[in-house]
Amino acid sequence: MVFFYPSGIGVKAKIAVNGYGTIGKRVTDAINSQPDMEVVGATKTRPTFEAKLANLRGVPLYAAAKEFVSRFEDAGLEIQGTLDDLLPQADLIIDCTPKTAGYKETYQKAGVKAIWQGGEKHDLTGVSFNSMANYNDCYGAQFVRVVSCNTTGLLRTLYPLYTEYGIDNVLAVMIRRSADPWDTQRGPINAIEPVLKVPSHHGPDVQSVVPDINIQTTAVKVPTTIMHMHSVVAELNKKVSSDDVIDLWKATPRIIFVWGSDGIRSTAQIMEYAKDLCRERGDLFEIAVWEDGVHVVGKKLYYYQAIHQESDVIPENVDCIRAMLELEEDKLKSMEMTDKYMGVC
């Protein structure tokens, strides 16, 4: 298999996207921004506005299965075929369908590599991915799961602490949005709803990537749709200052700082900041940490971070493609390329 590299030799890796929705459309744009890969097609089950916009954006559109073809024909929306027609064109497919949709056997039969999203369980692939933490573990893999938005956020800030100072214990509270902004079926809710299962799935999910991080997590659902927030207390193995931690995170990709002193006192102001960065869809691919909310007492670190659930996993999907297709051995070089062409800070 020969691929295009920035030097201009070879051809681009061919990527398919199964499910052109919240994550799928963002992944598609991110892939098409990169010099070494391109989307050869995306699937939908219905001729929704997103399907029509895919056509307008020049994304080849396919029905997810034969039984859905008539829906597109009735709507007068052109498609190129079905998922079965798309798979032979692809080196890898990114599955952005609802969890437990059950496409694994289809991908196996087609002999195509596949990436799933964090809504699926770790057992589906046996390998879960975060760019900084375990890029090499996924190098050349057949099937990989990119962990959820919250788990990605936790790993972005915890992994550098783990490698630089060591972590004795972490307690993190997930303050979760009730639904995505478009989802009027699930939210907003006029309530605060605790997740009564302890730990919440986020702690074990972190350990599916870095087993040695001792972490406990709890979660509550609140009446907002725009972001998640984490309140994190980490017991480190070394005494450090708040400035030490801030300097470490400033040297870590995909973490940005915001300041309450600048008027950014809530997730609403963070999303306004993302819009002012002129990001398409107002996305924030980075994890936002309040710099003036970072405090260290002895070995105990306290901080708050905000997670844009619609977009923070998108750079990880791009890096995961490079690892699985062996396009780049060095994780930092992959991350640098991904961030450069996506406009990540």
Protein backbone atom coordinates (compact mmCIF):
# COMPACT_ATOMS: atom_id res chain seq x y z
CA MET A 1 0.00 0.00 0.00
CA VAL A 2 1.57 3.30 -1.15
CA PHE A 3 0.43 6.59 0.31
CA PHE A 4 0.99 10.26 -0.38
CA TYR A 5 3.39 12.00 1.96
CA PRO A 6 3.98 15.75 2.22
CA SER A 7 6.99 15.33 -0.09
CA GLY A 8 4.49 14.61 -2.89
CA ILE A 9 5.34 10.93 -3.47
CA GLY A 10 2.55 8.39 -3.88
CA VAL A 11 -1.22 8.75 -3.40
CA LYS A 12 -3.46 9.83 -0.58
CA ALA A 13 -4.91 7.29 1.85
CA LYS A 14 -8.55 6.60 1.02
CA ILE A 15 -10.92 6.99 3.97
CA ALA A 16 -14.64 6.24 4.17
CA VAL A 17 -17.01 7.63 6.81
CA ASN A 18 -20.01 5.60 7.93
CA GLY A 19 -22.49 8.08 9.40
CA TYR A 20 -22.32 11.73 8.32
CA GLY A 21 -23.65 13.29 11.54
CA THR A 22 -22.23 15.30 14.43
CA ILE A 23 -18.85 13.55 14.44
CA GLY A 24 -18.88 12.20 10.90
CA LYS A 25 -19.17 15.56 9.15
CA ARG A 26 -16.42 17.05 11.31
CA VAL A 27 -14.13 14.07 10.73
CA THR A 28 -14.78 14.35 6.99
CA ASP A 29 -13.73 18.00 6.91
CA ALA A 30 -10.66 17.30 9.05
CA ILE A 31 -9.52 14.44 6.82
CA ASN A 32 -10.00 16.48 3.65
CA SER A 33 -7.87 19.25 5.15
CA GLN A 34 -4.87 16.91 5.47
CA PRO A 35 -2.24 16.43 2.73
CA ASP A 36 -1.92 12.64 3.10
CA MET A 37 -5.55 11.44 3.20
CA GLU A 38 -8.96 12.09 1.67
CA VAL A 39 -12.57 10.99 2.13
CA VAL A 40 -13.81 8.86 -0.75
CA GLY A 41 -17.39 8.72 0.50
CA ALA A 42 -19.76 9.06 3.45
CA THR A 43 -23.00 7.26 4.27
CA LYS A 44 -26.40 8.28 5.57
CA THR A 45 -29.59 6.36 6.27
CA ARG A 46 -31.89 9.27 5.37
CA PRO A 47 -31.81 12.25 2.99
CA THR A 48 -31.52 14.79 5.82
CA PHE A 49 -30.18 18.34 5.56
CA GLU A 50 -26.76 16.93 6.45
CA ALA A 51 -26.95 14.53 3.50
CA LYS A 52 -27.85 17.41 1.20
CA LEU A 53 -25.01 19.52 2.57
CA ALA A 54 -22.59 16.62 2.01
CA ASN A 55 -23.49 16.76 -1.67
CA LEU A 56 -23.06 20.54 -1.73
CA ARG A 57 -19.61 20.13 -0.14
CA GLY A 58 -18.60 17.64 -2.81
CA VAL A 59 -18.56 14.62 -0.48
CA PRO A 60 -19.59 11.46 -2.39
CA LEU A 61 -22.76 10.25 -0.67
CA TYR A 62 -23.81 6.62 -0.20
CA ALA A 63 -26.80 4.92 1.39
CA ALA A 64 -25.84 2.98 4.51
CA ALA A 65 -27.69 -0.10 3.18
CA LYS A 66 -29.80 -1.18 0.19
CA GLU A 67 -33.07 -0.72 2.05
CA PHE A 68 -32.35 3.01 2.38
CA VAL A 69 -31.75 3.68 -1.32
CA SER A 70 -35.43 4.41 -2.09
CA ARG A 71 -35.45 7.18 0.53
CA PHE A 72 -32.80 9.08 -1.41
CA GLU A 73 -34.46 8.37 -4.76
CA ASP A 74 -37.80 9.66 -3.47
CA ALA A 75 -36.09 12.82 -2.23
CA GLY A 76 -34.31 13.32 -5.55
CA LEU A 77 -30.93 13.23 -3.81
CA GLU A 78 -28.11 11.70 -5.81
CA ILE A 79 -26.11 8.88 -4.22
CA GLN A 80 -23.19 6.88 -5.54
CA GLY A 81 -24.36 3.49 -4.25
CA THR A 82 -24.42 1.77 -0.88
CA LEU A 83 -21.92 1.05 1.89
CA ASP A 84 -21.07 -2.21 0.13
CA ASP A 85 -20.03 -0.18 -2.93
CA LEU A 86 -18.01 2.26 -0.83
CA LEU A 87 -15.96 -0.20 1.23
CA PRO A 88 -13.81 -1.59 -1.66
CA GLN A 89 -12.61 1.96 -2.36
CA ALA A 90 -11.35 2.54 1.19
CA ASP A 91 -8.16 1.72 3.05
CA LEU A 92 -9.95 2.50 6.33
CA ILE A 93 -13.45 3.40 7.47
CA ILE A 94 -14.40 5.62 10.39
CA ASP A 95 -17.60 4.41 12.02
CA CYS A 96 -19.62 7.36 13.33
CA THR A 97 -22.91 5.47 13.55
CA PRO A 98 -24.92 5.14 16.78
CA LYS A 99 -23.31 2.73 19.24
CA THR A 100 -23.98 -0.99 18.81
CA ALA A 101 -24.97 -0.41 15.17
CA GLY A 102 -23.18 -3.68 14.39
CA TYR A 103 -20.99 -3.07 11.33
CA LYS A 104 -17.87 -4.91 12.52
CA GLU A 105 -18.58 -8.10 10.58
CA THR A 106 -19.23 -6.03 7.46
CA TYR A 107 -15.82 -4.38 7.77
CA GLN A 108 -14.13 -7.70 8.47
CA LYS A 109 -15.70 -9.26 5.41
CA ALA A 110 -14.55 -6.33 3.27
CA GLY A 111 -11.03 -6.55 4.71
CA VAL A 112 -10.98 -2.85 5.63
CA LYS A 113 -9.53 -1.33 8.79
CA ALA A 114 -11.96 0.54 11.03
CA ILE A 115 -12.12 3.19 13.75
CA TRP A 116 -15.06 3.46 16.15
CA GLN A 117 -16.00 6.31 18.49
CA GLY A 118 -16.11 6.40 22.29
CA GLY A 119 -19.76 5.46 22.56
CA GLU A 120 -18.70 1.88 21.87
CA LYS A 121 -17.16 -0.30 24.56
CA HIS A 122 -13.44 -1.05 24.71
CA ASP A 123 -14.17 -4.76 24.21
CA LEU A 124 -15.33 -4.12 20.64
CA THR A 125 -11.75 -3.56 19.47
CA GLY A 126 -9.56 -4.37 22.48
CA VAL A 127 -7.58 -1.20 21.66
CA SER A 128 -8.56 2.34 22.67
CA PHE A 129 -6.74 5.39 21.36
CA ASN A 130 -5.42 8.73 22.52
CA SER A 131 -2.85 10.53 20.37
CA MET A 132 -0.43 11.51 23.12
CA ALA A 133 -0.85 8.51 25.40
CA ASN A 134 -0.73 5.40 23.20
CA TYR A 135 -0.20 6.24 19.53
CA ASN A 136 2.38 3.48 19.16
CA ASP A 137 0.05 0.83 20.61
CA CYS A 138 -2.32 1.39 17.69
CA TYR A 139 0.34 1.45 14.97
CA GLY A 140 -0.74 -0.93 12.21
CA ALA A 141 -3.84 -2.10 14.13
CA GLN A 142 -6.89 -3.46 12.31
CA PHE A 143 -9.63 -2.13 14.60
CA VAL A 144 -9.37 0.75 17.12
CA ARG A 145 -11.76 2.78 19.25
CA VAL A 146 -11.09 6.49 19.77
CA VAL A 147 -12.18 7.21 23.35
CA SER A 148 -15.05 9.56 24.20
CA CYS A 149 -14.95 13.34 24.38
CA ASN A 150 -14.72 13.37 28.20
CA THR A 151 -12.07 10.65 28.29
CA THR A 152 -10.07 12.49 25.63
CA GLY A 153 -10.25 15.62 27.77
CA LEU A 154 -9.08 13.81 30.88
CA LEU A 155 -6.17 12.18 29.07
CA ARG A 156 -5.06 15.45 27.46
CA THR A 157 -4.32 16.98 30.87
CA LEU A 158 -3.61 13.91 33.02
CA TYR A 159 -1.16 12.09 30.75
CA PRO A 160 1.54 14.81 30.86
CA LEU A 161 1.15 14.97 34.65
CA TYR A 162 1.49 11.19 34.81
CA THR A 163 4.67 11.12 32.73
CA GLU A 164 6.32 14.18 34.29
CA TYR A 165 5.42 13.95 37.98
CA GLY A 166 3.62 10.66 38.54
CA ILE A 167 0.05 10.43 39.81
CA ASP A 168 -0.96 8.79 43.07
CA ASN A 169 -4.70 9.31 42.67
CA VAL A 170 -7.26 11.32 40.70
CA LEU A 171 -10.83 12.26 41.58
CA ALA A 172 -12.71 13.86 38.70
CA VAL A 173 -16.31 15.02 38.59
CA MET A 174 -17.87 15.12 35.12
CA ILE A 175 -20.42 17.93 34.87
CA ARG A 176 -22.13 16.76 31.70
CA ARG A 177 -24.26 18.56 29.16
CA SER A 178 -27.70 16.97 28.81
CA ALA A 179 -27.59 16.65 25.01
CA ASP A 180 -25.95 18.07 21.92
CA PRO A 181 -27.35 21.47 20.90
CA TRP A 182 -29.37 20.05 18.00
CA ASP A 183 -30.90 17.17 19.98
CA THR A 184 -34.34 18.35 21.11
CA GLN A 185 -35.36 14.79 22.03
CA ARG A 186 -32.91 14.51 24.93
CA GLY A 187 -32.45 18.01 26.25
CA PRO A 188 -32.16 20.47 27.71
CA ILE A 189 -33.53 19.18 31.00
CA ASN A 190 -34.83 21.24 33.90
CA ALA A 191 -32.98 19.15 36.45
CA ILE A 192 -29.61 18.07 37.82
CA GLU A 193 -29.35 14.33 37.36
CA PRO A 194 -26.62 12.29 39.11
CA VAL A 195 -25.08 9.20 37.52
CA LEU A 196 -25.63 6.73 40.34
CA LYS A 197 -23.18 4.15 39.03
CA VAL A 198 -19.80 4.76 40.66
CA PRO A 199 -17.31 5.06 39.18
CA SER A 200 -18.82 6.54 36.04
CA HIS A 201 -17.51 4.95 32.85
CA HIS A 202 -14.94 7.72 32.34
CA GLY A 203 -12.40 6.45 34.89
CA PRO A 204 -12.26 2.89 33.53
CA ASP A 205 -12.16 4.43 30.05
CA VAL A 206 -9.02 6.40 30.95
CA GLN A 207 -7.50 3.15 32.24
CA SER A 208 -8.29 1.40 28.94
CA VAL A 209 -5.60 3.69 27.49
CA VAL A 210 -3.26 4.17 30.48
CA PRO A 211 -3.93 1.35 33.00
CA ASP A 212 -1.55 2.78 35.62
CA ILE A 213 -3.51 5.99 36.24
CA ASN A 214 -5.43 5.51 39.49
CA ILE A 215 -8.62 7.46 38.83
CA GLN A 216 -12.15 7.60 40.22
CA THR A 217 -14.88 9.51 38.42
CA THR A 218 -18.43 10.59 39.13
CA ALA A 219 -20.84 12.41 36.83
CA VAL A 220 -23.90 14.64 36.92
CA LYS A 221 -26.08 15.77 34.03
CA VAL A 222 -27.02 19.46 34.01
CA PRO A 223 -29.37 21.64 31.93
CA THR A 224 -26.96 22.85 29.25
CA THR A 225 -26.09 21.61 25.77
CA ILE A 226 -22.93 23.43 24.78
CA MET A 227 -20.05 21.82 26.73
CA HIS A 228 -18.99 19.47 29.50
CA MET A 229 -16.94 20.67 32.47
CA HIS A 230 -14.56 18.69 34.69
CA SER A 231 -13.60 19.46 38.27
CA VAL A 232 -10.36 17.53 38.84
CA VAL A 233 -8.31 16.86 41.98
CA ALA A 234 -5.04 15.02 41.29
CA GLU A 235 -2.66 13.80 44.00
CA LEU A 236 0.81 13.95 42.43
CA ASN A 237 3.90 12.01 43.43
CA LYS A 238 6.03 15.17 43.51
CA LYS A 239 5.63 18.59 45.05
CA VAL A 240 5.19 21.13 42.27
CA SER A 241 3.91 24.66 41.94
CA SER A 242 0.90 25.88 39.98
CA ASP A 243 3.33 27.54 37.56
CA ASP A 244 5.11 24.21 37.00
CA VAL A 245 1.83 22.57 35.99
CA ILE A 246 0.80 25.49 33.78
CA ASP A 247 4.18 25.49 32.01
CA LEU A 248 3.88 21.73 31.43
CA TRP A 249 0.43 22.09 29.90
CA LYS A 250 1.55 25.04 27.78
CA ALA A 251 4.12 22.71 26.22
CA THR A 252 1.43 20.06 25.57
CA PRO A 253 -0.52 20.03 22.29
CA ARG A 254 -4.27 20.60 22.25
CA ILE A 255 -4.59 22.37 25.59
CA ILE A 256 -5.47 26.06 25.67
CA PHE A 257 -5.81 28.40 28.62
CA VAL A 258 -8.64 30.79 29.38
CA TRP A 259 -8.89 33.30 32.19
CA GLY A 260 -11.76 34.28 34.41
CA SER A 261 -10.05 37.64 34.74
CA ASP A 262 -10.68 38.15 31.00
CA GLY A 263 -14.39 37.60 31.49
CA ILE A 264 -14.37 33.91 30.55
CA ARG A 265 -16.21 32.64 33.60
CA SER A 266 -18.37 29.96 32.01
CA THR A 267 -18.65 27.53 29.13
CA ALA A 268 -20.83 30.08 27.30
CA GLN A 269 -17.92 32.51 27.08
CA ILE A 270 -15.57 29.72 26.00
CA MET A 271 -17.82 28.85 23.07
CA GLU A 272 -18.06 32.54 22.16
CA TYR A 273 -14.25 32.61 22.21
CA ALA A 274 -14.20 29.63 19.83
CA LYS A 275 -16.50 31.49 17.45
CA ASP A 276 -14.23 34.52 17.60
CA LEU A 277 -11.34 32.27 16.57
CA CYS A 278 -13.30 31.92 13.30
CA ARG A 279 -13.61 28.17 13.67
CA GLU A 280 -16.07 26.48 11.33
CA ARG A 281 -19.18 25.51 13.32
CA GLY A 282 -17.64 27.32 16.31
CA ASP A 283 -15.72 24.16 17.21
CA LEU A 284 -13.10 23.97 19.96
CA PHE A 285 -10.78 21.05 19.29
CA GLU A 286 -8.58 21.92 22.27
CA ILE A 287 -9.30 21.33 25.95
CA ALA A 288 -9.87 24.66 27.70
CA VAL A 289 -8.29 24.99 31.16
CA TRP A 290 -8.87 28.00 33.42
CA GLU A 291 -5.33 29.16 34.16
CA ASP A 292 -6.48 31.20 37.15
CA GLY A 293 -8.29 28.09 38.41
CA VAL A 294 -5.13 25.96 38.64
CA HIS A 295 -4.07 25.57 42.28
CA VAL A 296 -1.59 23.30 44.05
CA VAL A 297 -1.63 22.58 47.78
CA GLY A 298 1.29 20.34 48.73
CA LYS A 299 1.10 17.52 46.21
CA LYS A 300 -2.59 18.04 45.49
CA LEU A 301 -3.55 19.74 42.23
CA TYR A 302 -6.97 21.32 41.65
CA TYR A 303 -8.20 22.50 38.25
CA TYR A 304 -11.22 22.98 35.99
CA GLN A 305 -11.41 22.18 32.30
CA ALA A 306 -14.10 22.47 29.63
CA ILE A 307 -14.77 19.97 26.84
CA HIS A 308 -16.51 20.71 23.53
CA GLN A 309 -18.17 17.34 23.09
CA GLU A 310 -18.84 17.78 19.36
CA SER A 311 -15.26 18.35 18.30
CA ASP A 312 -12.43 17.51 20.74
CA VAL A 313 -12.07 13.92 19.44
CA ILE A 314 -11.70 14.99 15.80
CA PRO A 315 -7.88 15.50 15.83
CA GLU A 316 -7.52 12.11 17.54
CA ASN A 317 -9.41 10.43 14.70
CA VAL A 318 -6.98 11.90 12.17
CA ASP A 319 -3.93 10.77 14.17
CA CYS A 320 -5.48 7.33 14.61
CA ILE A 321 -5.72 6.99 10.82
CA ARG A 322 -2.00 7.74 10.50
CA ALA A 323 -1.12 5.21 13.18
CA MET A 324 -3.31 2.41 11.81
CA LEU A 325 -2.21 2.93 8.19
CA GLU A 326 1.42 3.44 9.27
CA LEU A 327 1.64 6.84 7.59
CA GLU A 328 3.74 8.36 10.38
CA GLU A 329 5.72 6.61 13.13
CA ASP A 330 6.23 9.68 15.34
CA LYS A 331 3.11 10.72 17.27
CA LEU A 332 4.29 14.29 17.71
CA LYS A 333 4.88 14.70 13.97
CA SER A 334 1.41 13.35 13.27
CA MET A 335 -0.15 15.67 15.83
CA GLU A 336 1.77 18.63 14.46
CA MET A 337 0.54 17.91 10.93
CA THR A 338 -3.04 17.33 12.03
CA ASP A 339 -3.13 20.52 14.06
CA LYS A 340 -1.48 22.62 11.36
CA TYR A 341 -4.03 21.78 8.70
CA MET A 342 -7.01 21.86 11.06
CA GLY A 343 -6.00 25.23 12.53
CA VAL A 344 -5.66 23.90 16.07
CA CYS A 345 -3.92 26.29 18.47
